[in-house]
Amino acid sequence: MTQAPRASESRLTVALVHGAFADSSGWNDVVAHLLAEGVNVQAISNPLRGIAYDAAYVASVLSQIPGRVLAVGHSYGGAVITNAALRARNVGGLVYVAAFAPDEGEALQDIEAGSTDSVLDTALVQLRYPTGEDGGTQVELAIDPAKFHDAFAADVSEQQARVMAATQRPISVLGFSEPSGTPAWKSLPSWAVVPTGDKAAGSDVLREMAQRAGATTTEVEGSHVIMVSQPKVVTEVIQQGLSTLAQ
């Protein structure tokens, strides 16, 4: 007689990982849609201190979620789940939302250098933060609030973009310069949402990475913050992943 799986084994949870210049509140509308559909969901706070550090932290959180997990990353969060998913061992699939899906040895700054759609470099300002080591500091990056709407969130209202700019979280330059590790997309099924008007990551490189990963890709007209401007579309793609993992 076949034994029925325990509840913790059959449970499916969507884990949302935000990207640079943002926090988990960017997922609020997606979370609301998923909860309304009875989906278990958790938004993870991404430290934004570098690929190695952030992947270790997110992997720890993922591994503590009961049951199987569909990991969803936005922007830089895609690079984080690419590096964290295999360490967690309970991740069954990946969803890239306007997100980086780097290969082993790649750094995001090199990927960005190949984009003709991205204008992000012209919108960044440099800040510094303490490393905690002998009074040392490191560079972190933020988006100039005056350029935030056009470069990052062109399909939301200017008023909403001003709020997002005022509440943005800077990211350590290590997030863009550290090389990525073994990519989870080589062994896990993946889905991707590629906004055709993405001027931050760049629609061209997002499309190329999704194709390379073999992701089931949905292209939609919109900006880099497609989960804010069109949360229903993003939720539908997440549901595709859930349906596959549930089989």
Protein backbone atom coordinates (compact mmCIF):
# COMPACT_ATOMS: atom_id res chain seq x y z
CA MET A 1 0.00 0.00 0.00
CA THR A 2 1.41 3.37 -1.05
CA GLN A 3 1.82 5.73 1.86
CA ALA A 4 0.33 9.20 1.40
CA PRO A 5 2.86 12.05 1.52
CA ARG A 6 3.07 14.01 4.72
CA ALA A 7 1.58 17.51 4.67
CA SER A 8 5.02 19.12 4.84
CA GLU A 9 6.12 17.09 1.80
CA SER A 10 3.09 17.88 -0.36
CA ARG A 11 2.91 21.57 0.56
CA LEU A 12 3.89 24.04 -2.16
CA THR A 13 5.05 27.57 -1.33
CA VAL A 14 5.93 30.50 -3.56
CA ALA A 15 9.02 32.34 -2.28
CA LEU A 16 9.42 35.85 -3.70
CA VAL A 17 12.86 37.48 -3.75
CA HIS A 18 13.08 41.18 -4.59
CA GLY A 19 15.92 42.82 -6.47
CA ALA A 20 18.11 45.90 -6.18
CA PHE A 21 16.76 49.37 -5.37
CA ALA A 22 13.66 47.78 -3.85
CA ASP A 23 12.27 45.74 -0.98
CA SER A 24 9.62 43.07 -0.49
CA SER A 25 6.76 45.58 -0.72
CA GLY A 26 7.20 45.53 -4.49
CA TRP A 27 5.56 42.10 -4.40
CA ASN A 28 2.50 43.28 -2.43
CA ASP A 29 -0.03 43.02 -5.27
CA VAL A 30 1.34 39.66 -6.42
CA VAL A 31 1.12 38.39 -2.84
CA ALA A 32 -2.48 39.58 -2.63
CA HIS A 33 -3.39 37.73 -5.86
CA LEU A 34 -1.71 34.53 -4.70
CA LEU A 35 -3.33 34.62 -1.26
CA ALA A 36 -6.72 35.17 -2.88
CA GLU A 37 -6.10 32.00 -4.88
CA GLY A 38 -5.19 30.02 -1.77
CA VAL A 39 -1.46 29.84 -2.51
CA ASN A 40 1.13 29.67 0.26
CA VAL A 41 3.47 32.59 -0.27
CA GLN A 42 6.41 34.19 1.50
CA ALA A 43 8.36 37.30 0.49
CA ILE A 44 12.02 37.13 1.49
CA SER A 45 14.06 40.20 2.40
CA ASN A 46 17.14 40.27 0.19
CA PRO A 47 20.16 41.80 2.00
CA LEU A 48 21.58 43.36 -1.22
CA ARG A 49 25.16 42.98 0.01
CA GLY A 50 26.59 40.82 -2.80
CA ILE A 51 25.91 37.60 -4.71
CA ALA A 52 27.71 35.29 -2.26
CA TYR A 53 26.26 36.79 0.91
CA ASP A 54 22.73 37.21 -0.44
CA ALA A 55 22.58 33.72 -1.94
CA ALA A 56 23.68 32.18 1.35
CA TYR A 57 21.05 34.13 3.27
CA VAL A 58 18.21 33.38 0.84
CA ALA A 59 19.19 29.69 0.66
CA SER A 60 18.92 29.52 4.45
CA VAL A 61 15.43 31.02 4.38
CA LEU A 62 14.31 28.78 1.52
CA SER A 63 15.53 25.64 3.26
CA GLN A 64 13.44 26.47 6.32
CA ILE A 65 10.18 26.67 4.36
CA PRO A 66 8.18 23.44 4.81
CA GLY A 67 7.63 21.40 1.67
CA ARG A 68 8.59 22.24 -1.90
CA VAL A 69 9.26 25.78 -3.06
CA LEU A 70 8.85 27.69 -6.29
CA ALA A 71 11.49 30.43 -6.09
CA VAL A 72 10.63 33.70 -7.83
CA GLY A 73 13.20 36.44 -8.35
CA HIS A 74 12.86 39.96 -9.68
CA SER A 75 15.84 41.66 -11.35
CA TYR A 76 18.94 41.06 -9.20
CA GLY A 77 16.80 38.65 -7.18
CA GLY A 78 16.96 36.33 -10.19
CA ALA A 79 20.72 36.08 -9.82
CA VAL A 80 20.26 35.35 -6.13
CA ILE A 81 17.81 32.48 -6.63
CA THR A 82 20.04 31.15 -9.43
CA ASN A 83 22.77 30.74 -6.81
CA ALA A 84 20.61 29.88 -3.79
CA ALA A 85 18.14 27.28 -5.12
CA LEU A 86 20.46 24.27 -5.30
CA ARG A 87 21.77 24.91 -1.79
CA ALA A 88 18.26 24.86 -0.34
CA ARG A 89 17.43 21.40 -1.82
CA ASN A 90 13.65 21.92 -1.56
CA VAL A 91 13.30 24.26 -4.57
CA GLY A 92 11.49 22.60 -7.45
CA GLY A 93 11.40 25.43 -9.99
CA LEU A 94 12.37 29.01 -10.75
CA VAL A 95 10.49 32.04 -12.05
CA TYR A 96 12.44 34.99 -13.42
CA VAL A 97 10.52 38.28 -13.40
CA ALA A 98 12.47 40.87 -15.39
CA ALA A 99 15.35 39.00 -13.82
CA PHE A 100 18.96 38.02 -14.33
CA ALA A 101 19.71 34.34 -14.91
CA PRO A 102 23.52 34.33 -15.03
CA ASP A 103 25.69 31.39 -15.99
CA GLU A 104 28.64 30.21 -13.92
CA GLY A 105 31.44 32.77 -13.81
CA GLU A 106 29.35 35.63 -15.16
CA ALA A 107 29.07 38.97 -13.35
CA LEU A 108 25.98 41.12 -13.78
CA GLN A 109 28.03 44.16 -14.76
CA ASP A 110 29.38 42.23 -17.75
CA ILE A 111 25.89 41.10 -18.74
CA GLU A 112 24.66 44.70 -18.51
CA ALA A 113 27.54 45.90 -20.66
CA GLY A 114 26.09 43.85 -23.51
CA SER A 115 22.66 45.50 -23.37
CA THR A 116 21.60 48.20 -25.82
CA ASP A 117 18.23 48.59 -24.09
CA SER A 118 19.47 49.39 -20.58
CA VAL A 119 20.05 52.99 -19.46
CA LEU A 120 20.64 52.07 -15.83
CA ASP A 121 24.33 53.04 -15.78
CA THR A 122 23.42 56.65 -16.59
CA ALA A 123 20.96 56.77 -13.67
CA LEU A 124 23.13 55.40 -10.85
CA VAL A 125 24.77 57.32 -8.02
CA GLN A 126 27.50 55.99 -5.76
CA LEU A 127 27.23 55.92 -1.97
CA ARG A 128 29.35 54.20 0.68
CA TYR A 129 28.56 51.86 3.57
CA PRO A 130 30.72 50.51 6.42
CA THR A 131 31.97 46.96 5.98
CA GLY A 132 32.58 46.49 9.71
CA GLU A 133 36.23 45.64 9.10
CA ASP A 134 38.76 48.10 10.55
CA GLY A 135 36.63 51.09 9.65
CA GLY A 136 36.60 50.11 5.98
CA THR A 137 33.87 51.10 3.55
CA GLN A 138 32.51 49.75 0.27
CA VAL A 139 30.59 51.29 -2.60
CA GLU A 140 26.86 50.83 -2.89
CA LEU A 141 24.64 52.01 -5.71
CA ALA A 142 21.30 53.81 -5.79
CA ILE A 143 19.19 55.30 -8.57
CA ASP A 144 19.04 59.07 -8.90
CA PRO A 145 15.45 59.89 -7.83
CA ALA A 146 15.15 62.32 -10.75
CA LYS A 147 15.82 59.46 -13.17
CA PHE A 148 13.99 56.68 -11.32
CA HIS A 149 10.72 56.88 -13.27
CA ASP A 150 12.23 56.78 -16.75
CA ALA A 151 14.99 54.25 -16.04
CA PHE A 152 13.25 51.87 -13.66
CA ALA A 153 9.47 52.27 -13.50
CA ALA A 154 8.21 53.99 -16.63
CA ASP A 155 4.77 52.32 -16.63
CA VAL A 156 3.68 53.42 -13.16
CA SER A 157 2.55 56.93 -12.34
CA GLU A 158 5.17 59.57 -11.62
CA GLN A 159 3.73 59.92 -8.12
CA GLN A 160 4.14 56.20 -7.44
CA ALA A 161 7.65 56.26 -8.92
CA ARG A 162 8.59 59.10 -6.56
CA VAL A 163 7.47 56.99 -3.60
CA MET A 164 9.45 54.00 -4.88
CA ALA A 165 12.53 56.20 -5.40
CA ALA A 166 12.26 57.61 -1.89
CA THR A 167 12.01 54.14 -0.33
CA GLN A 168 14.58 52.35 -2.52
CA ARG A 169 17.34 50.27 -0.92
CA PRO A 170 20.86 50.68 -2.31
CA ILE A 171 22.79 47.60 -3.40
CA SER A 172 26.45 46.86 -2.79
CA VAL A 173 28.58 47.05 -5.90
CA LEU A 174 29.50 43.42 -5.09
CA GLY A 175 26.06 42.44 -6.37
CA PHE A 176 27.18 43.45 -9.85
CA SER A 177 30.87 42.54 -9.71
CA GLU A 178 30.97 39.13 -7.99
CA PRO A 179 30.93 36.12 -10.36
CA SER A 180 27.92 33.85 -10.25
CA GLY A 181 28.15 30.19 -9.25
CA THR A 182 26.60 26.99 -10.60
CA PRO A 183 23.20 28.02 -12.03
CA ALA A 184 20.10 26.27 -10.74
CA TRP A 185 18.36 26.77 -14.09
CA LYS A 186 20.54 24.07 -15.60
CA SER A 187 18.79 21.42 -13.52
CA LEU A 188 15.43 22.96 -12.55
CA PRO A 189 12.47 23.96 -14.74
CA SER A 190 12.09 27.70 -15.16
CA TRP A 191 9.66 30.34 -16.35
CA ALA A 192 10.35 33.96 -17.26
CA VAL A 193 8.46 37.22 -17.62
CA VAL A 194 10.29 39.56 -20.01
CA PRO A 195 8.99 43.15 -20.16
CA THR A 196 9.55 44.55 -23.65
CA GLY A 197 10.13 48.09 -22.34
CA ASP A 198 12.68 47.24 -19.65
CA LYS A 199 15.30 50.01 -19.56
CA ALA A 200 16.87 48.91 -16.27
CA ALA A 201 18.09 45.35 -16.79
CA GLY A 202 17.45 45.64 -20.52
CA SER A 203 14.84 43.65 -22.42
CA ASP A 204 17.46 42.32 -24.83
CA VAL A 205 19.65 40.62 -22.21
CA LEU A 206 16.64 39.40 -20.23
CA ARG A 207 15.32 37.70 -23.35
CA GLU A 208 18.71 36.15 -24.13
CA MET A 209 19.15 34.80 -20.60
CA ALA A 210 15.64 33.33 -20.52
CA GLN A 211 16.22 31.58 -23.83
CA ARG A 212 19.58 30.22 -22.67
CA ALA A 213 17.97 28.89 -19.49
CA GLY A 214 15.28 27.13 -21.51
CA ALA A 215 12.64 29.06 -19.61
CA THR A 216 9.01 29.09 -20.68
CA THR A 217 8.88 32.77 -21.52
CA THR A 218 6.03 35.29 -21.47
CA GLU A 219 6.77 38.66 -23.05
CA VAL A 220 4.62 41.58 -21.99
CA GLU A 221 4.67 45.29 -22.73
CA GLY A 222 5.86 47.06 -19.61
CA SER A 223 8.79 48.35 -17.57
CA HIS A 224 11.27 46.71 -15.23
CA VAL A 225 8.73 46.78 -12.36
CA ILE A 226 6.21 44.61 -14.19
CA MET A 227 5.19 42.92 -10.92
CA VAL A 228 3.96 46.34 -9.73
CA SER A 229 2.33 47.54 -12.95
CA GLN A 230 0.89 44.17 -14.06
CA PRO A 231 0.77 41.84 -11.05
CA LYS A 232 -1.93 39.65 -12.60
CA VAL A 233 0.31 38.71 -15.52
CA VAL A 234 3.15 37.83 -13.15
CA THR A 235 0.78 35.82 -10.96
CA GLU A 236 -0.43 33.84 -13.96
CA VAL A 237 3.14 32.85 -14.85
CA ILE A 238 3.78 31.83 -11.25
CA GLN A 239 0.66 29.68 -11.41
CA GLN A 240 2.11 27.94 -14.48
CA GLY A 241 5.10 26.97 -12.39
CA LEU A 242 2.94 25.80 -9.51
CA SER A 243 0.83 23.66 -11.82
CA THR A 244 3.94 21.92 -13.14
CA LEU A 245 5.36 21.27 -9.67
CA ALA A 246 2.01 19.94 -8.46
CA GLN A 247 1.93 17.19 -11.11
